[in-house]
Amino acid sequence: MRNLASLTEHEIPYVVQSTLQLLTAAVSPTPDALVEANGPIRNALRERILRYIDTHLLDVDLTPDRICREVGLSRAKLYQLFEGSGGVMRQIQRRRLRRAHQVLADPSRPQPHIAEIAWRHGFSNEKYFYRLFKTEFGHTPGETLENIRAGAVLKHAAPHRQDHVNRPSGWTLPFGVPGN
């Protein structure tokens, strides 16, 4: 109820679907019904947290405690939601790296100092930033800048990993299954 006012139009079908599944689990608490109700709720909550992270990505105080406080869930639940993808701090770190890459690779921006970009994106250690950047993209931040100056485009050598959120399945609602 507390979060109802902050739901987006995109989230409403998931809430409807989750509510139906929760009601089914309450009326007929079979193991299958309980498992089916958990998935859509978990996915909607994870998606909401990822949007919160993206909105506050460059905030210095973006921590698990702050996310828990703002989204309204326990620290244990937050860690559970992200345990399969390296943890919530890893999600923040990867999103910050992608954002830093976008800034470095944008030819319309003035050429920034790499240390400044690292610092602005929450990396206080420049060597650590270089190492993470190279691991994520297959090239260093300096190589990104050099190739932009030369007019070349670097492809991501590291496999692009998406933080895929499984779409709910099972129930067919009057207006269709969300995402279809």
Foldseek 3Di string as FASTA:
>chain_A
DVCPVVDDPLCVLLVVVLVVLVVCCVVPVDVVSVVLSPQSVLLSLVVVLLVVCVVCLQPLPPDLVVSCVVSPHDSVSQQVSCVVPPGPVVSSVVVLLVVLLCVLQDLVDDHDDQCVSCVSRNHNDSVVSQVVNCQFFVHGSVVSNVCSVVVHHGHRPHDDDDPDRDARDDDADPVGGRPD
